[in-house]
Amino acid sequence: MQRDLQRSLQEAVVPLGEVAERAPEPRGVPSGVEGLDGLFFTARPTSKGPERVPLGGIPEYAVLNLTGISDTGKSLMVEQFALKRASEGHPVAFVTVETPAVFLVAALKGRAQAMGIDYDAVEDRIVIVDAASYHTLREEIPALLDTLAHVIKTYRVCATVVDSVTGLYEAREMMARQVVRALYNFLKKWHQTADGPSGLPEALGPRGALR
């Protein structure tokens, strides 16, 4: 065990230059939400100073937490994100924490119709993890992450939705930071572009969002 600890500590220390070689280039992932994609940009140097360059979507591999009070459209936004990615040919994992899968299907069908997306063409690209119906997935984060890892590997998922993050620590608010951090680290490790609504922004720190 001591040898494993020493190896882990050695691997945790990396020169900046080595990390930079592995860093992904900034790219945008269309969100499917009108007006949202234009909010993200990077900058490039010019002779006249930095120039803003739109990404055209949420940053690839970003883990976003959408915070706000109830009934402000957070779930609609992540549903549109899932459908947009699926319509472009990308497999999506949809972790439903509050709405059982059979009811989520009806919501996605209606949202696809409103977006002008052929539901039949995308239904096999969205893989549902029904944590609403199976309390072990909702209450035991290791079980949820193991299941999600299986889904990502099996279906080659590149985008994940968790609706909602709040449901993973409901009535256990003291564990909110621990739950959110574990989920965030997992999604980063698996190179997911991810969205997750939350009704308790204070659980995520003063900025109320993870990036």
Foldseek 3Di string as FASTA:
>chain_A
DVVVVVVVVVVVDDDPVVVVVVDDDWAADAQLDPPPQQVDWDWDADPVGIDTGGRRHHTFLFAKEAEDAPPPCQVVSNLSRQQVCLLVPAAEEEEELADFPVVVVVVSVVSCVVSVHDCVSRVVRYHYDGCNVPVCLLAPVVVVLVVVVVVCVVNVHAAYEHEALQSSQVVNLVCLLVSVVVVSVSSSVSRHHYYHYDHDQVSVPDVSIGD
